[in-house]
Amino acid sequence: MMKIYRYLYYRLYSWNLKTWGEKDIPQWNALFGVSFMMFLNLGLLGLLLQLLGVNIFLRNELPKKELVIIMISFFVLNYFLFVHKGNYKSIVKELKKEPPEKRRANTILIWLYVILSFALFVLSAVFIKKLNG
């Protein structure tokens, strides 16, 4: 799973760098993107558990403080994995050598991952909303 996030980070960073340059701090924008995807996937897991009848919340409402703490935790974790001490530079150096045919295949996989993450999250949320009336 870490490979996916490293690659997602690299592609977000590369795209941002190519589109807006260094002045747009692409390492931080990629950090926000990866952290958001992790949070979205955790939310999807929570929704799927609810669909299976496992209520992960003590009350019937979203625990706002806990969600903020989780988001900040993802952000801090990813900061140390990707940005701290220029770690992103070694990731870019490693993945920049990717052959064009592998890049095309990985691009398709990344798009599938992002689209499915969003689609499954939304579908699960809609389904739960309909179940709860």
C-alpha atoms as a PDB file:
ATOM      1  CA  MET A   1       0.000   0.000   0.000  1.00  0.00           C
ATOM      2  CA  MET A   2       2.877   2.337   0.749  1.00  0.00           C
ATOM      3  CA  LYS A   3       4.034   1.950  -2.856  1.00  0.00           C
ATOM      4  CA  ILE A   4       0.721   3.359  -4.059  1.00  0.00           C
ATOM      5  CA  TYR A   5       1.016   6.400  -1.824  1.00  0.00           C
ATOM      6  CA  ARG A   6       4.650   6.979  -2.782  1.00  0.00           C
ATOM      7  CA  TYR A   7       3.729   6.801  -6.434  1.00  0.00           C
ATOM      8  CA  LEU A   8       0.650   8.985  -5.946  1.00  0.00           C
ATOM      9  CA  TYR A   9       2.807  11.508  -4.121  1.00  0.00           C
ATOM     10  CA  TYR A  10       5.363  11.448  -6.944  1.00  0.00           C
ATOM     11  CA  ARG A  11       2.727  11.940  -9.650  1.00  0.00           C
ATOM     12  CA  LEU A  12       0.995  14.764  -7.752  1.00  0.00           C
ATOM     13  CA  TYR A  13       4.342  16.415  -7.098  1.00  0.00           C
ATOM     14  CA  SER A  14       5.471  16.058 -10.739  1.00  0.00           C
ATOM     15  CA  TRP A  15       2.195  17.340 -12.135  1.00  0.00           C
ATOM     16  CA  ASN A  16       2.144  20.326  -9.783  1.00  0.00           C
ATOM     17  CA  LEU A  17       5.788  21.144 -10.507  1.00  0.00           C
ATOM     18  CA  LYS A  18       5.259  20.957 -14.266  1.00  0.00           C
ATOM     19  CA  THR A  19       2.031  22.979 -14.146  1.00  0.00           C
ATOM     20  CA  TRP A  20       2.917  25.770 -11.709  1.00  0.00           C
ATOM     21  CA  GLY A  21       6.587  25.400 -10.894  1.00  0.00           C
ATOM     22  CA  GLU A  22       8.477  25.582  -7.604  1.00  0.00           C
ATOM     23  CA  LYS A  23       6.720  28.765  -6.474  1.00  0.00           C
ATOM     24  CA  ASP A  24       3.546  26.734  -5.862  1.00  0.00           C
ATOM     25  CA  ILE A  25       5.386  24.465  -3.365  1.00  0.00           C
ATOM     26  CA  PRO A  26       4.501  21.186  -5.124  1.00  0.00           C
ATOM     27  CA  GLN A  27       5.919  19.066  -2.295  1.00  0.00           C
ATOM     28  CA  TRP A  28       3.277  20.469   0.061  1.00  0.00           C
ATOM     29  CA  ASN A  29       0.427  20.240  -2.441  1.00  0.00           C
ATOM     30  CA  ALA A  30       1.278  16.580  -3.057  1.00  0.00           C
ATOM     31  CA  LEU A  31       1.399  16.077   0.712  1.00  0.00           C
ATOM     32  CA  PHE A  32      -2.133  17.456   1.064  1.00  0.00           C
ATOM     33  CA  GLY A  33      -3.344  15.275  -1.828  1.00  0.00           C
ATOM     34  CA  VAL A  34      -1.925  12.046  -0.419  1.00  0.00           C
ATOM     35  CA  SER A  35      -3.179  12.837   3.090  1.00  0.00           C
ATOM     36  CA  PHE A  36      -6.653  13.539   1.731  1.00  0.00           C
ATOM     37  CA  MET A  37      -6.716  10.224  -0.145  1.00  0.00           C
ATOM     38  CA  MET A  38      -5.685   8.355   2.999  1.00  0.00           C
ATOM     39  CA  PHE A  39      -8.445  10.084   4.963  1.00  0.00           C
ATOM     40  CA  LEU A  40     -10.959   9.317   2.202  1.00  0.00           C
ATOM     41  CA  ASN A  41      -9.968   5.639   2.246  1.00  0.00           C
ATOM     42  CA  LEU A  42     -10.313   5.512   6.025  1.00  0.00           C
ATOM     43  CA  GLY A  43     -13.764   7.076   5.664  1.00  0.00           C
ATOM     44  CA  LEU A  44     -14.672   4.470   3.068  1.00  0.00           C
ATOM     45  CA  LEU A  45     -13.603   1.733   5.467  1.00  0.00           C
ATOM     46  CA  GLY A  46     -15.812   3.260   8.164  1.00  0.00           C
ATOM     47  CA  LEU A  47     -18.773   3.438   5.784  1.00  0.00           C
ATOM     48  CA  LEU A  48     -18.282  -0.154   4.664  1.00  0.00           C
ATOM     49  CA  LEU A  49     -18.165  -1.296   8.286  1.00  0.00           C
ATOM     50  CA  GLN A  50     -21.435   0.544   8.911  1.00  0.00           C
ATOM     51  CA  LEU A  51     -22.978  -1.200   5.906  1.00  0.00           C
ATOM     52  CA  LEU A  52     -21.955  -4.508   7.493  1.00  0.00           C
ATOM     53  CA  GLY A  53     -23.692  -3.473  10.703  1.00  0.00           C
ATOM     54  CA  VAL A  54     -20.558  -2.555  12.657  1.00  0.00           C
ATOM     55  CA  ASN A  55     -21.132   0.873  14.171  1.00  0.00           C
ATOM     56  CA  ILE A  56     -17.696   2.363  14.822  1.00  0.00           C
ATOM     57  CA  PHE A  57     -19.149   5.490  16.369  1.00  0.00           C
ATOM     58  CA  LEU A  58     -20.364   5.494  19.958  1.00  0.00           C
ATOM     59  CA  ARG A  59     -23.121   7.917  19.076  1.00  0.00           C
ATOM     60  CA  ASN A  60     -25.022   8.272  15.812  1.00  0.00           C
ATOM     61  CA  GLU A  61     -22.987  11.290  14.807  1.00  0.00           C
ATOM     62  CA  LEU A  62     -19.548  11.817  13.369  1.00  0.00           C
ATOM     63  CA  PRO A  63     -16.955  12.464  16.073  1.00  0.00           C
ATOM     64  CA  LYS A  64     -15.636  15.800  14.796  1.00  0.00           C
ATOM     65  CA  LYS A  65     -12.683  16.160  17.187  1.00  0.00           C
ATOM     66  CA  GLU A  66     -11.506  12.639  16.472  1.00  0.00           C
ATOM     67  CA  LEU A  67     -11.778  13.147  12.713  1.00  0.00           C
ATOM     68  CA  VAL A  68      -9.677  16.317  12.918  1.00  0.00           C
ATOM     69  CA  ILE A  69      -7.079  14.463  15.003  1.00  0.00           C
ATOM     70  CA  ILE A  70      -6.965  11.649  12.425  1.00  0.00           C
ATOM     71  CA  MET A  71      -6.583  14.134   9.550  1.00  0.00           C
ATOM     72  CA  ILE A  72      -3.770  15.946  11.333  1.00  0.00           C
ATOM     73  CA  SER A  73      -2.127  12.607  12.159  1.00  0.00           C
ATOM     74  CA  PHE A  74      -2.149  11.590   8.485  1.00  0.00           C
ATOM     75  CA  PHE A  75      -0.716  14.964   7.554  1.00  0.00           C
ATOM     76  CA  VAL A  76       2.085  14.737  10.142  1.00  0.00           C
ATOM     77  CA  LEU A  77       2.893  11.127   9.219  1.00  0.00           C
ATOM     78  CA  ASN A  78       3.052  12.012   5.534  1.00  0.00           C
ATOM     79  CA  TYR A  79       5.123  15.081   6.279  1.00  0.00           C
ATOM     80  CA  PHE A  80       7.809  12.875   7.821  1.00  0.00           C
ATOM     81  CA  LEU A  81       7.530  10.318   5.026  1.00  0.00           C
ATOM     82  CA  PHE A  82       7.620  12.739   2.091  1.00  0.00           C
ATOM     83  CA  VAL A  83       8.684  16.315   2.899  1.00  0.00           C
ATOM     84  CA  HIS A  84      10.905  16.226   6.003  1.00  0.00           C
ATOM     85  CA  LYS A  85      14.588  16.598   5.120  1.00  0.00           C
ATOM     86  CA  GLY A  86      13.697  16.604   1.411  1.00  0.00           C
ATOM     87  CA  ASN A  87      12.599  12.956   1.304  1.00  0.00           C
ATOM     88  CA  TYR A  88      10.527  13.753  -1.790  1.00  0.00           C
ATOM     89  CA  LYS A  89      13.728  14.385  -3.739  1.00  0.00           C
ATOM     90  CA  SER A  90      14.835  10.766  -3.391  1.00  0.00           C
ATOM     91  CA  ILE A  91      11.332   9.579  -4.349  1.00  0.00           C
ATOM     92  CA  VAL A  92      11.405  11.777  -7.452  1.00  0.00           C
ATOM     93  CA  LYS A  93      14.912  10.617  -8.322  1.00  0.00           C
ATOM     94  CA  GLU A  94      13.880   6.967  -8.006  1.00  0.00           C
ATOM     95  CA  LEU A  95      10.588   7.179  -9.913  1.00  0.00           C
ATOM     96  CA  LYS A  96      11.686   9.664 -12.580  1.00  0.00           C
ATOM     97  CA  LYS A  97      13.455   6.818 -14.422  1.00  0.00           C
ATOM     98  CA  GLU A  98      10.167   5.032 -15.031  1.00  0.00           C
ATOM     99  CA  PRO A  99       9.868   3.730 -18.636  1.00  0.00           C
ATOM    100  CA  PRO A 100       7.049   5.323 -20.713  1.00  0.00           C
ATOM    101  CA  GLU A 101       5.050   2.076 -21.077  1.00  0.00           C
ATOM    102  CA  LYS A 102       5.160   1.448 -17.321  1.00  0.00           C
ATOM    103  CA  ARG A 103       4.205   5.086 -16.721  1.00  0.00           C
ATOM    104  CA  ARG A 104       1.104   4.666 -18.914  1.00  0.00           C
ATOM    105  CA  ALA A 105       0.057   1.529 -17.034  1.00  0.00           C
ATOM    106  CA  ASN A 106       0.702   3.193 -13.664  1.00  0.00           C
ATOM    107  CA  THR A 107      -1.251   6.271 -14.757  1.00  0.00           C
ATOM    108  CA  ILE A 108      -4.269   4.070 -15.463  1.00  0.00           C
ATOM    109  CA  LEU A 109      -3.887   2.363 -12.072  1.00  0.00           C
ATOM    110  CA  ILE A 110      -3.588   5.697 -10.242  1.00  0.00           C
ATOM    111  CA  TRP A 111      -6.683   7.069 -11.998  1.00  0.00           C
ATOM    112  CA  LEU A 112      -8.607   3.894 -11.176  1.00  0.00           C
ATOM    113  CA  TYR A 113      -7.536   4.147  -7.553  1.00  0.00           C
ATOM    114  CA  VAL A 114      -8.598   7.800  -7.256  1.00  0.00           C
ATOM    115  CA  ILE A 115     -11.891   7.378  -9.124  1.00  0.00           C
ATOM    116  CA  LEU A 116     -12.845   4.198  -7.264  1.00  0.00           C
ATOM    117  CA  SER A 117     -11.939   5.748  -3.921  1.00  0.00           C
ATOM    118  CA  PHE A 118     -14.257   8.698  -4.552  1.00  0.00           C
ATOM    119  CA  ALA A 119     -17.016   6.663  -6.206  1.00  0.00           C
ATOM    120  CA  LEU A 120     -17.120   3.960  -3.538  1.00  0.00           C
ATOM    121  CA  PHE A 121     -17.097   6.552  -0.760  1.00  0.00           C
ATOM    122  CA  VAL A 122     -20.009   8.474  -2.309  1.00  0.00           C
ATOM    123  CA  LEU A 123     -21.987   5.322  -3.154  1.00  0.00           C
ATOM    124  CA  SER A 124     -21.511   3.955   0.363  1.00  0.00           C
ATOM    125  CA  ALA A 125     -22.576   7.244   1.923  1.00  0.00           C
ATOM    126  CA  VAL A 126     -25.674   7.434  -0.298  1.00  0.00           C
ATOM    127  CA  PHE A 127     -26.555   3.827   0.443  1.00  0.00           C
ATOM    128  CA  ILE A 128     -26.223   4.344   4.203  1.00  0.00           C
ATOM    129  CA  LYS A 129     -28.315   7.532   3.974  1.00  0.00           C
ATOM    130  CA  LYS A 130     -31.080   5.573   2.202  1.00  0.00           C
ATOM    131  CA  LEU A 131     -30.886   2.768   4.770  1.00  0.00           C
ATOM    132  CA  ASN A 132     -31.209   5.216   7.634  1.00  0.00           C
ATOM    133  CA  GLY A 133     -34.108   6.898   5.912  1.00  0.00           C
END
